[in-house]
């Protein structure tokens, strides 16, 4: 009889811990920020500074609000058609990362 009570107690504790874990998991922020670009068009030039490429780019997260401070230029790739693909990344407080790319007209540095 005593073993049955211990078994029920352990099962109840397991159920409570499982419910707590499910609650914590369900309330986590797992949504990445949204990266958006302004309408102003820029022309990529070889060796262009990252700060110039970040002009007019913003990042917003539903939970954290404006996270534009976390924006960075991850990569710039030139295409055979004379364009440049610029890839941006932003991160929120929960370490959710968003990436977005845009294609810019490009010209050679003088």
PDB file of N, CA and C in Angstrom:
ATOM      1  N   UNK A   1       0.818  -1.196   0.000  1.00  0.00           N
ATOM      2  CA  UNK A   1       0.000   0.000   0.000  1.00  0.00           C
ATOM      3  C   UNK A   1       0.860   1.257   0.000  1.00  0.00           C
ATOM      4  N   UNK A   2       1.971   1.197   0.770  1.00  0.00           N
ATOM      5  CA  UNK A   2       2.863   2.339   0.843  1.00  0.00           C
ATOM      6  C   UNK A   2       3.534   2.588  -0.511  1.00  0.00           C
ATOM      7  N   UNK A   3       3.913   1.531  -1.226  1.00  0.00           N
ATOM      8  CA  UNK A   3       4.536   1.656  -2.549  1.00  0.00           C
ATOM      9  C   UNK A   3       3.588   2.305  -3.553  1.00  0.00           C
ATOM     10  N   UNK A   4       2.297   2.007  -3.429  1.00  0.00           N
ATOM     11  CA  UNK A   4       1.311   2.587  -4.337  1.00  0.00           C
ATOM     12  C   UNK A   4       1.246   4.098  -4.138  1.00  0.00           C
ATOM     13  N   UNK A   5       1.320   4.571  -2.893  1.00  0.00           N
ATOM     14  CA  UNK A   5       1.302   6.008  -2.608  1.00  0.00           C
ATOM     15  C   UNK A   5       2.543   6.706  -3.153  1.00  0.00           C
ATOM     16  N   UNK A   6       3.701   6.063  -3.017  1.00  0.00           N
ATOM     17  CA  UNK A   6       4.940   6.634  -3.542  1.00  0.00           C
ATOM     18  C   UNK A   6       4.873   6.713  -5.063  1.00  0.00           C
ATOM     19  N   UNK A   7       4.370   5.666  -5.690  1.00  0.00           N
ATOM     20  CA  UNK A   7       4.228   5.631  -7.145  1.00  0.00           C
ATOM     21  C   UNK A   7       3.317   6.755  -7.632  1.00  0.00           C
ATOM     22  N   UNK A   8       2.194   6.948  -6.983  1.00  0.00           N
ATOM     23  CA  UNK A   8       1.255   8.007  -7.368  1.00  0.00           C
ATOM     24  C   UNK A   8       1.899   9.378  -7.166  1.00  0.00           C
ATOM     25  N   UNK A   9       2.641   9.543  -6.081  1.00  0.00           N
ATOM     26  CA  UNK A   9       3.325  10.813  -5.826  1.00  0.00           C
ATOM     27  C   UNK A   9       4.360  11.130  -6.887  1.00  0.00           C
ATOM     28  N   UNK A  10       5.147  10.136  -7.280  1.00  0.00           N
ATOM     29  CA  UNK A  10       6.167  10.328  -8.315  1.00  0.00           C
ATOM     30  C   UNK A  10       5.498  10.643  -9.652  1.00  0.00           C
ATOM     31  N   UNK A  11       4.423   9.958  -9.981  1.00  0.00           N
ATOM     32  CA  UNK A  11       3.698  10.223 -11.233  1.00  0.00           C
ATOM     33  C   UNK A  11       3.128  11.637 -11.246  1.00  0.00           C
ATOM     34  N   UNK A  12       2.578  12.069 -10.128  1.00  0.00           N
ATOM     35  CA  UNK A  12       2.019  13.429 -10.038  1.00  0.00           C
ATOM     36  C   UNK A  12       3.126  14.467 -10.222  1.00  0.00           C
ATOM     37  N   UNK A  13       4.288  14.239  -9.613  1.00  0.00           N
ATOM     38  CA  UNK A  13       5.412  15.162  -9.764  1.00  0.00           C
ATOM     39  C   UNK A  13       5.874  15.204 -11.219  1.00  0.00           C
ATOM     40  N   UNK A  14       5.920  14.062 -11.881  1.00  0.00           N
ATOM     41  CA  UNK A  14       6.296  14.011 -13.292  1.00  0.00           C
ATOM     42  C   UNK A  14       5.323  14.801 -14.157  1.00  0.00           C
ATOM     43  N   UNK A  15       4.050  14.651 -13.902  1.00  0.00           N
ATOM     44  CA  UNK A  15       3.026  15.368 -14.671  1.00  0.00           C
ATOM     45  C   UNK A  15       3.179  16.869 -14.464  1.00  0.00           C
ATOM     46  N   UNK A  16       3.431  17.303 -13.236  1.00  0.00           N
ATOM     47  CA  UNK A  16       3.608  18.734 -12.969  1.00  0.00           C
ATOM     48  C   UNK A  16       4.858  19.283 -13.658  1.00  0.00           C
ATOM     49  N   UNK A  17       5.955  18.539 -13.640  1.00  0.00           N
ATOM     50  CA  UNK A  17       7.172  18.978 -14.317  1.00  0.00           C
ATOM     51  C   UNK A  17       6.977  19.031 -15.829  1.00  0.00           C
ATOM     52  N   UNK A  18       6.287  18.050 -16.369  1.00  0.00           N
ATOM     53  CA  UNK A  18       6.007  18.047 -17.804  1.00  0.00           C
ATOM     54  C   UNK A  18       5.142  19.242 -18.187  1.00  0.00           C
ATOM     55  N   UNK A  19       4.133  19.533 -17.389  1.00  0.00           N
ATOM     56  CA  UNK A  19       3.263  20.683 -17.661  1.00  0.00           C
ATOM     57  C   UNK A  19       4.067  21.979 -17.600  1.00  0.00           C
ATOM     58  N   UNK A  20       4.986  22.085 -16.641  1.00  0.00           N
ATOM     59  CA  UNK A  20       5.831  23.274 -16.542  1.00  0.00           C
ATOM     60  C   UNK A  20       6.725  23.429 -17.752  1.00  0.00           C
ATOM     61  N   UNK A  21       7.308  22.343 -18.216  1.00  0.00           N
ATOM     62  CA  UNK A  21       8.163  22.387 -19.403  1.00  0.00           C
ATOM     63  C   UNK A  21       7.372  22.789 -20.643  1.00  0.00           C
ATOM     64  N   UNK A  22       6.196  22.249 -20.803  1.00  0.00           N
ATOM     65  CA  UNK A  22       5.345  22.594 -21.950  1.00  0.00           C
ATOM     66  C   UNK A  22       4.973  24.072 -21.900  1.00  0.00           C
ATOM     67  N   UNK A  23       4.652  24.574 -20.719  1.00  0.00           N
ATOM     68  CA  UNK A  23       4.299  25.986 -20.560  1.00  0.00           C
ATOM     69  C   UNK A  23       5.481  26.876 -20.942  1.00  0.00           C
ATOM     70  N   UNK A  24       6.673  26.561 -20.445  1.00  0.00           N
ATOM     71  CA  UNK A  24       7.854  27.364 -20.761  1.00  0.00           C
ATOM     72  C   UNK A  24       8.186  27.313 -22.249  1.00  0.00           C
ATOM     73  N   UNK A  25       8.073  26.144 -22.852  1.00  0.00           N
ATOM     74  CA  UNK A  25       8.364  26.004 -24.274  1.00  0.00           C
ATOM     75  C   UNK A  25       7.359  26.786 -25.126  1.00  0.00           C
ATOM     76  N   UNK A  26       6.098  26.713 -24.753  1.00  0.00           N
ATOM     77  CA  UNK A  26       5.052  27.381 -25.537  1.00  0.00           C
ATOM     78  C   UNK A  26       5.177  28.902 -25.473  1.00  0.00           C
ATOM     79  N   UNK A  27       5.765  29.435 -24.412  1.00  0.00           N
ATOM     80  CA  UNK A  27       5.861  30.886 -24.256  1.00  0.00           C
ATOM     81  C   UNK A  27       7.192  31.459 -24.721  1.00  0.00           C
ATOM     82  N   UNK A  28       8.032  30.660 -25.349  1.00  0.00           N
ATOM     83  CA  UNK A  28       9.297  31.155 -25.869  1.00  0.00           C
ATOM     84  C   UNK A  28       9.071  31.948 -27.149  1.00  0.00           C
ATOM     85  N   UNK A  29       9.928  32.943 -27.345  1.00  0.00           N
ATOM     86  CA  UNK A  29       9.918  33.722 -28.584  1.00  0.00           C
ATOM     87  C   UNK A  29      10.744  32.969 -29.619  1.00  0.00           C
ATOM     88  N   UNK A  30      10.080  32.440 -30.643  1.00  0.00           N
ATOM     89  CA  UNK A  30      10.773  31.711 -31.699  1.00  0.00           C
ATOM     90  C   UNK A  30      10.552  32.361 -33.064  1.00  0.00           C
ATOM     91  N   UNK A  31      10.107  33.624 -33.055  1.00  0.00           N
ATOM     92  CA  UNK A  31       9.849  34.334 -34.302  1.00  0.00           C
ATOM     93  C   UNK A  31      10.992  35.298 -34.592  1.00  0.00           C
ATOM     94  N   UNK A  32      11.575  35.158 -35.754  1.00  0.00           N
ATOM     95  CA  UNK A  32      12.704  36.010 -36.149  1.00  0.00           C
ATOM     96  C   UNK A  32      12.209  37.412 -36.515  1.00  0.00           C
ATOM     97  N   UNK A  33      13.083  38.400 -36.413  1.00  0.00           N
ATOM     98  CA  UNK A  33      12.708  39.756 -36.823  1.00  0.00           C
ATOM     99  C   UNK A  33      12.435  39.830 -38.332  1.00  0.00           C
ATOM    100  N   UNK A  34      11.815  40.910 -38.737  1.00  0.00           N
ATOM    101  CA  UNK A  34      11.533  41.145 -40.153  1.00  0.00           C
ATOM    102  C   UNK A  34      12.449  42.269 -40.629  1.00  0.00           C
ATOM    103  N   UNK A  35      13.180  42.000 -41.710  1.00  0.00           N
ATOM    104  CA  UNK A  35      14.085  42.996 -42.285  1.00  0.00           C
ATOM    105  C   UNK A  35      13.358  43.668 -43.444  1.00  0.00           C
ATOM    106  N   UNK A  36      13.382  45.005 -43.452  1.00  0.00           N
ATOM    107  CA  UNK A  36      12.713  45.732 -44.541  1.00  0.00           C
ATOM    108  C   UNK A  36      13.661  46.775 -45.134  1.00  0.00           C
ATOM    109  N   UNK A  37      13.398  47.120 -46.383  1.00  0.00           N
ATOM    110  CA  UNK A  37      14.242  48.040 -47.129  1.00  0.00           C
ATOM    111  C   UNK A  37      13.424  49.246 -47.542  1.00  0.00           C
ATOM    112  N   UNK A  38      14.054  50.423 -47.506  1.00  0.00           N
ATOM    113  CA  UNK A  38      13.380  51.638 -47.969  1.00  0.00           C
ATOM    114  C   UNK A  38      13.368  51.644 -49.492  1.00  0.00           C
ATOM    115  N   UNK A  39      12.630  52.559 -50.034  1.00  0.00           N
ATOM    116  CA  UNK A  39      12.474  52.640 -51.486  1.00  0.00           C
ATOM    117  C   UNK A  39      13.692  53.236 -52.190  1.00  0.00           C
ATOM    118  N   UNK A  40      14.565  53.951 -51.427  1.00  0.00           N
ATOM    119  CA  UNK A  40      15.696  54.587 -52.103  1.00  0.00           C
ATOM    120  C   UNK A  40      16.654  53.519 -52.634  1.00  0.00           C
ATOM    121  N   UNK A  41      16.981  53.655 -53.883  1.00  0.00           N
ATOM    122  CA  UNK A  41      17.840  52.681 -54.571  1.00  0.00           C
ATOM    123  C   UNK A  41      19.287  53.124 -54.456  1.00  0.00           C
ATOM    124  N   UNK A  42      20.150  52.212 -54.088  1.00  0.00           N
ATOM    125  CA  UNK A  42      21.564  52.524 -54.038  1.00  0.00           C
ATOM    126  C   UNK A  42      22.285  51.674 -55.078  1.00  0.00           C
ATOM    127  N   UNK A  43      23.432  52.163 -55.506  1.00  0.00           N
ATOM    128  CA  UNK A  43      24.242  51.443 -56.483  1.00  0.00           C
ATOM    129  C   UNK A  43      25.469  50.919 -55.749  1.00  0.00           C
ATOM    130  N   UNK A  44      25.693  49.625 -55.853  1.00  0.00           N
ATOM    131  CA  UNK A  44      26.831  49.013 -55.181  1.00  0.00           C
ATOM    132  C   UNK A  44      28.102  49.286 -55.964  1.00  0.00           C
ATOM    133  N   UNK A  45      29.134  49.692 -55.237  1.00  0.00           N
ATOM    134  CA  UNK A  45      30.459  49.892 -55.806  1.00  0.00           C
ATOM    135  C   UNK A  45      31.424  48.996 -55.053  1.00  0.00           C
ATOM    136  N   UNK A  46      32.348  48.358 -55.755  1.00  0.00           N
ATOM    137  CA  UNK A  46      33.328  47.484 -55.103  1.00  0.00           C
ATOM    138  C   UNK A  46      33.994  48.211 -53.938  1.00  0.00           C
ATOM    139  N   UNK A  47      34.091  47.540 -52.798  1.00  0.00           N
ATOM    140  CA  UNK A  47      34.722  48.121 -51.629  1.00  0.00           C
ATOM    141  C   UNK A  47      33.816  49.043 -50.818  1.00  0.00           C
ATOM    142  N   UNK A  48      32.542  49.070 -51.147  1.00  0.00           N
ATOM    143  CA  UNK A  48      31.595  49.937 -50.448  1.00  0.00           C
ATOM    144  C   UNK A  48      31.519  49.551 -48.966  1.00  0.00           C
ATOM    145  N   UNK A  49      31.465  50.530 -48.094  1.00  0.00           N
ATOM    146  CA  UNK A  49      31.389  50.297 -46.649  1.00  0.00           C
ATOM    147  C   UNK A  49      30.039  49.693 -46.267  1.00  0.00           C
ATOM    148  N   UNK A  50      30.052  48.860 -45.240  1.00  0.00           N
ATOM    149  CA  UNK A  50      28.822  48.221 -44.758  1.00  0.00           C
ATOM    150  C   UNK A  50      27.806  49.259 -44.309  1.00  0.00           C
ATOM    151  N   UNK A  51      28.291  50.347 -43.700  1.00  0.00           N
ATOM    152  CA  UNK A  51      27.361  51.381 -43.215  1.00  0.00           C
ATOM    153  C   UNK A  51      26.563  51.992 -44.362  1.00  0.00           C
ATOM    154  N   UNK A  52      27.179  52.142 -45.515  1.00  0.00           N
ATOM    155  CA  UNK A  52      26.473  52.666 -46.681  1.00  0.00           C
ATOM    156  C   UNK A  52      25.395  51.688 -47.154  1.00  0.00           C
ATOM    157  N   UNK A  53      25.709  50.390 -47.080  1.00  0.00           N
ATOM    158  CA  UNK A  53      24.743  49.372 -47.497  1.00  0.00           C
ATOM    159  C   UNK A  53      23.590  49.243 -46.503  1.00  0.00           C
ATOM    160  N   UNK A  54      23.804  49.672 -45.271  1.00  0.00           N
ATOM    161  CA  UNK A  54      22.754  49.593 -44.243  1.00  0.00           C
ATOM    162  C   UNK A  54      21.814  50.793 -44.251  1.00  0.00           C
ATOM    163  N   UNK A  55      22.147  51.845 -45.026  1.00  0.00           N
ATOM    164  CA  UNK A  55      21.256  53.010 -45.102  1.00  0.00           C
ATOM    165  C   UNK A  55      19.899  52.598 -45.666  1.00  0.00           C
ATOM    166  N   UNK A  56      18.845  52.916 -44.949  1.00  0.00           N
ATOM    167  CA  UNK A  56      17.497  52.590 -45.401  1.00  0.00           C
ATOM    168  C   UNK A  56      17.050  51.179 -45.088  1.00  0.00           C
ATOM    169  N   UNK A  57      17.860  50.414 -44.345  1.00  0.00           N
ATOM    170  CA  UNK A  57      17.502  49.047 -43.965  1.00  0.00           C
ATOM    171  C   UNK A  57      17.117  49.058 -42.489  1.00  0.00           C
ATOM    172  N   UNK A  58      16.022  48.379 -42.146  1.00  0.00           N
ATOM    173  CA  UNK A  58      15.595  48.321 -40.746  1.00  0.00           C
ATOM    174  C   UNK A  58      15.145  46.903 -40.404  1.00  0.00           C
ATOM    175  N   UNK A  59      15.114  46.624 -39.102  1.00  0.00           N
ATOM    176  CA  UNK A  59      14.673  45.309 -38.625  1.00  0.00           C
ATOM    177  C   UNK A  59      13.736  45.525 -37.452  1.00  0.00           C
ATOM    178  N   UNK A  60      12.609  44.800 -37.468  1.00  0.00           N
ATOM    179  CA  UNK A  60      11.604  44.933 -36.415  1.00  0.00           C
ATOM    180  C   UNK A  60      11.201  43.541 -35.928  1.00  0.00           C
ATOM    181  N   UNK A  61      11.120  43.409 -34.616  1.00  0.00           N
ATOM    182  CA  UNK A  61      10.698  42.156 -34.003  1.00  0.00           C
ATOM    183  C   UNK A  61       9.411  42.400 -33.228  1.00  0.00           C
ATOM    184  N   UNK A  62       8.496  41.452 -33.314  1.00  0.00           N
ATOM    185  CA  UNK A  62       7.199  41.584 -32.650  1.00  0.00           C
ATOM    186  C   UNK A  62       7.329  41.754 -31.139  1.00  0.00           C
ATOM    187  N   UNK A  63       8.258  41.045 -30.527  1.00  0.00           N
ATOM    188  CA  UNK A  63       8.433  41.109 -29.069  1.00  0.00           C
ATOM    189  C   UNK A  63       9.357  42.243 -28.641  1.00  0.00           C
ATOM    190  N   UNK A  64      10.446  42.445 -29.372  1.00  0.00           N
ATOM    191  CA  UNK A  64      11.485  43.382 -28.953  1.00  0.00           C
ATOM    192  C   UNK A  64      11.383  44.758 -29.604  1.00  0.00           C
ATOM    193  N   UNK A  65      10.535  44.907 -30.592  1.00  0.00           N
ATOM    194  CA  UNK A  65      10.417  46.189 -31.289  1.00  0.00           C
ATOM    195  C   UNK A  65      11.540  46.368 -32.300  1.00  0.00           C
ATOM    196  N   UNK A  66      12.071  47.588 -32.384  1.00  0.00           N
ATOM    197  CA  UNK A  66      13.106  47.912 -33.358  1.00  0.00           C
ATOM    198  C   UNK A  66      14.430  47.256 -32.954  1.00  0.00           C
ATOM    199  N   UNK A  67      14.922  46.378 -33.790  1.00  0.00           N
ATOM    200  CA  UNK A  67      16.215  45.717 -33.546  1.00  0.00           C
ATOM    201  C   UNK A  67      17.198  46.049 -34.670  1.00  0.00           C
ATOM    202  N   UNK A  68      17.035  47.224 -35.255  1.00  0.00           N
ATOM    203  CA  UNK A  68      17.917  47.643 -36.348  1.00  0.00           C
ATOM    204  C   UNK A  68      19.369  47.739 -35.903  1.00  0.00           C
ATOM    205  N   UNK A  69      19.600  47.947 -34.597  1.00  0.00           N
ATOM    206  CA  UNK A  69      20.969  48.016 -34.077  1.00  0.00           C
ATOM    207  C   UNK A  69      21.731  46.703 -34.314  1.00  0.00           C
ATOM    208  N   UNK A  70      21.020  45.595 -34.497  1.00  0.00           N
ATOM    209  CA  UNK A  70      21.669  44.297 -34.678  1.00  0.00           C
ATOM    210  C   UNK A  70      21.937  43.966 -36.147  1.00  0.00           C
ATOM    211  N   UNK A  71      21.501  44.822 -37.048  1.00  0.00           N
ATOM    212  CA  UNK A  71      21.680  44.561 -38.483  1.00  0.00           C
ATOM    213  C   UNK A  71      23.158  44.538 -38.867  1.00  0.00           C
ATOM    214  N   UNK A  72      23.482  43.617 -39.770  1.00  0.00           N
ATOM    215  CA  UNK A  72      24.823  43.591 -40.338  1.00  0.00           C
ATOM    216  C   UNK A  72      24.746  43.077 -41.762  1.00  0.00           C
ATOM    217  N   UNK A  73      25.758  43.426 -42.536  1.00  0.00           N
ATOM    218  CA  UNK A  73      25.881  42.922 -43.903  1.00  0.00           C
ATOM    219  C   UNK A  73      26.642  41.618 -43.802  1.00  0.00           C
ATOM    220  N   UNK A  74      25.953  40.531 -44.111  1.00  0.00           N
ATOM    221  CA  UNK A  74      26.584  39.218 -43.988  1.00  0.00           C
ATOM    222  C   UNK A  74      27.479  38.897 -45.172  1.00  0.00           C
ATOM    223  N   UNK A  75      27.008  39.241 -46.376  1.00  0.00           N
ATOM    224  CA  UNK A  75      27.752  38.836 -47.571  1.00  0.00           C
ATOM    225  C   UNK A  75      27.348  39.714 -48.748  1.00  0.00           C
ATOM    226  N   UNK A  76      28.296  39.952 -49.631  1.00  0.00           N
ATOM    227  CA  UNK A  76      28.034  40.631 -50.903  1.00  0.00           C
ATOM    228  C   UNK A  76      28.609  39.753 -52.000  1.00  0.00           C
ATOM    229  N   UNK A  77      27.763  39.422 -52.969  1.00  0.00           N
ATOM    230  CA  UNK A  77      28.191  38.575 -54.092  1.00  0.00           C
ATOM    231  C   UNK A  77      27.878  39.289 -55.399  1.00  0.00           C
ATOM    232  N   UNK A  78      28.837  39.296 -56.284  1.00  0.00           N
ATOM    233  CA  UNK A  78      28.617  39.876 -57.608  1.00  0.00           C
ATOM    234  C   UNK A  78      28.040  38.811 -58.531  1.00  0.00           C
ATOM    235  N   UNK A  79      27.168  39.226 -59.427  1.00  0.00           N
ATOM    236  CA  UNK A  79      26.578  38.309 -60.398  1.00  0.00           C
ATOM    237  C   UNK A  79      27.203  38.557 -61.767  1.00  0.00           C
ATOM    238  N   UNK A  80      26.983  37.612 -62.652  1.00  0.00           N
ATOM    239  CA  UNK A  80      27.510  37.746 -64.015  1.00  0.00           C
ATOM    240  C   UNK A  80      26.813  38.866 -64.783  1.00  0.00           C
ATOM    241  N   UNK A  81      25.623  39.253 -64.344  1.00  0.00           N
ATOM    242  CA  UNK A  81      24.854  40.294 -65.025  1.00  0.00           C
ATOM    243  C   UNK A  81      25.234  41.699 -64.574  1.00  0.00           C
ATOM    244  N   UNK A  82      26.289  41.838 -63.781  1.00  0.00           N
ATOM    245  CA  UNK A  82      26.717  43.159 -63.336  1.00  0.00           C
ATOM    246  C   UNK A  82      25.923  43.680 -62.152  1.00  0.00           C
ATOM    247  N   UNK A  83      25.349  42.809 -61.376  1.00  0.00           N
ATOM    248  CA  UNK A  83      24.598  43.207 -60.188  1.00  0.00           C
ATOM    249  C   UNK A  83      25.305  42.672 -58.949  1.00  0.00           C
ATOM    250  N   UNK A  84      24.832  43.106 -57.797  1.00  0.00           N
ATOM    251  CA  UNK A  84      25.382  42.622 -56.535  1.00  0.00           C
ATOM    252  C   UNK A  84      24.234  42.140 -55.659  1.00  0.00           C
ATOM    253  N   UNK A  85      24.392  40.973 -55.064  1.00  0.00           N
ATOM    254  CA  UNK A  85      23.412  40.436 -54.124  1.00  0.00           C
ATOM    255  C   UNK A  85      23.967  40.699 -52.729  1.00  0.00           C
ATOM    256  N   UNK A  86      23.240  41.517 -51.955  1.00  0.00           N
ATOM    257  CA  UNK A  86      23.670  41.868 -50.605  1.00  0.00           C
ATOM    258  C   UNK A  86      22.774  41.117 -49.625  1.00  0.00           C
ATOM    259  N   UNK A  87      23.377  40.355 -48.728  1.00  0.00           N
ATOM    260  CA  UNK A  87      22.640  39.580 -47.733  1.00  0.00           C
ATOM    261  C   UNK A  87      22.809  40.235 -46.369  1.00  0.00           C
ATOM    262  N   UNK A  88      21.676  40.523 -45.737  1.00  0.00           N
ATOM    263  CA  UNK A  88      21.642  41.166 -44.427  1.00  0.00           C
ATOM    264  C   UNK A  88      21.190  40.148 -43.380  1.00  0.00           C
ATOM    265  N   UNK A  89      21.587  40.377 -42.121  1.00  0.00           N
ATOM    266  CA  UNK A  89      21.151  39.539 -41.013  1.00  0.00           C
ATOM    267  C   UNK A  89      20.818  40.438 -39.826  1.00  0.00           C
ATOM    268  N   UNK A  90      19.812  40.007 -39.035  1.00  0.00           N
ATOM    269  CA  UNK A  90      19.418  40.720 -37.814  1.00  0.00           C
ATOM    270  C   UNK A  90      19.058  39.688 -36.763  1.00  0.00           C
ATOM    271  N   UNK A  91      19.246  40.063 -35.499  1.00  0.00           N
ATOM    272  CA  UNK A  91      19.005  39.136 -34.393  1.00  0.00           C
ATOM    273  C   UNK A  91      18.187  39.848 -33.321  1.00  0.00           C
ATOM    274  N   UNK A  92      17.268  39.104 -32.674  1.00  0.00           N
ATOM    275  CA  UNK A  92      16.503  39.682 -31.566  1.00  0.00           C
ATOM    276  C   UNK A  92      17.069  39.214 -30.229  1.00  0.00           C
ATOM    277  N   UNK A  93      16.442  39.630 -29.139  1.00  0.00           N
ATOM    278  CA  UNK A  93      16.935  39.315 -27.796  1.00  0.00           C
ATOM    279  C   UNK A  93      16.895  37.821 -27.488  1.00  0.00           C
ATOM    280  N   UNK A  94      16.053  37.074 -28.170  1.00  0.00           N
ATOM    281  CA  UNK A  94      15.959  35.625 -27.956  1.00  0.00           C
ATOM    282  C   UNK A  94      16.874  34.855 -28.901  1.00  0.00           C
ATOM    283  N   UNK A  95      17.758  35.581 -29.576  1.00  0.00           N
ATOM    284  CA  UNK A  95      18.715  35.001 -30.532  1.00  0.00           C
ATOM    285  C   UNK A  95      18.063  34.373 -31.755  1.00  0.00           C
ATOM    286  N   UNK A  96      16.887  34.847 -32.125  1.00  0.00           N
ATOM    287  CA  UNK A  96      16.277  34.437 -33.391  1.00  0.00           C
ATOM    288  C   UNK A  96      16.918  35.281 -34.484  1.00  0.00           C
ATOM    289  N   UNK A  97      17.378  34.640 -35.540  1.00  0.00           N
ATOM    290  CA  UNK A  97      18.100  35.332 -36.602  1.00  0.00           C
ATOM    291  C   UNK A  97      17.264  35.351 -37.872  1.00  0.00           C
ATOM    292  N   UNK A  98      17.232  36.523 -38.503  1.00  0.00           N
ATOM    293  CA  UNK A  98      16.561  36.680 -39.794  1.00  0.00           C
ATOM    294  C   UNK A  98      17.614  37.060 -40.826  1.00  0.00           C
ATOM    295  N   UNK A  99      17.462  36.556 -42.030  1.00  0.00           N
ATOM    296  CA  UNK A  99      18.326  36.924 -43.141  1.00  0.00           C
ATOM    297  C   UNK A  99      17.461  37.338 -44.315  1.00  0.00           C
ATOM    298  N   UNK A 100      17.932  38.339 -45.035  1.00  0.00           N
ATOM    299  CA  UNK A 100      17.211  38.800 -46.208  1.00  0.00           C
ATOM    300  C   UNK A 100      18.230  39.353 -47.200  1.00  0.00           C
ATOM    301  N   UNK A 101      17.942  39.160 -48.480  1.00  0.00           N
ATOM    302  CA  UNK A 101      18.860  39.629 -49.522  1.00  0.00           C
ATOM    303  C   UNK A 101      18.135  40.575 -50.462  1.00  0.00           C
ATOM    304  N   UNK A 102      18.913  41.436 -51.067  1.00  0.00           N
ATOM    305  CA  UNK A 102      18.371  42.275 -52.139  1.00  0.00           C
ATOM    306  C   UNK A 102      19.409  42.414 -53.226  1.00  0.00           C
ATOM    307  N   UNK A 103      18.929  42.625 -54.424  1.00  0.00           N
ATOM    308  CA  UNK A 103      19.795  42.740 -55.593  1.00  0.00           C
ATOM    309  C   UNK A 103      19.946  44.229 -55.918  1.00  0.00           C
ATOM    310  N   UNK A 104      21.187  44.654 -56.026  1.00  0.00           N
ATOM    311  CA  UNK A 104      21.485  46.048 -56.328  1.00  0.00           C
ATOM    312  C   UNK A 104      22.229  46.138 -57.645  1.00  0.00           C
ATOM    313  N   UNK A 105      22.010  47.224 -58.397  1.00  0.00           N
ATOM    314  CA  UNK A 105      22.849  47.446 -59.560  1.00  0.00           C
ATOM    315  C   UNK A 105      24.274  47.708 -59.072  1.00  0.00           C
ATOM    316  N   UNK A 106      25.262  47.295 -59.832  1.00  0.00           N
ATOM    317  CA  UNK A 106      26.642  47.442 -59.390  1.00  0.00           C
ATOM    318  C   UNK A 106      27.485  48.068 -60.476  1.00  0.00           C
ATOM    319  N   UNK A 107      28.531  48.741 -60.008  1.00  0.00           N
ATOM    320  CA  UNK A 107      29.510  49.309 -60.939  1.00  0.00           C
ATOM    321  C   UNK A 107      30.905  49.083 -60.352  1.00  0.00           C
ATOM    322  N   UNK A 108      31.884  49.062 -61.196  1.00  0.00           N
ATOM    323  CA  UNK A 108      33.266  48.842 -60.751  1.00  0.00           C
ATOM    324  C   UNK A 108      33.798  50.070 -60.050  1.00  0.00           C
ATOM    325  N   UNK A 109      34.667  49.854 -59.070  1.00  0.00           N
ATOM    326  CA  UNK A 109      35.290  50.979 -58.358  1.00  0.00           C
ATOM    327  C   UNK A 109      36.266  51.675 -59.286  1.00  0.00           C
ATOM    328  N   UNK A 110      36.383  52.979 -59.115  1.00  0.00           N
ATOM    329  CA  UNK A 110      37.293  53.753 -59.978  1.00  0.00           C
ATOM    330  C   UNK A 110      38.635  53.879 -59.336  1.00  0.00           C
TER     331      UNK A 110
END
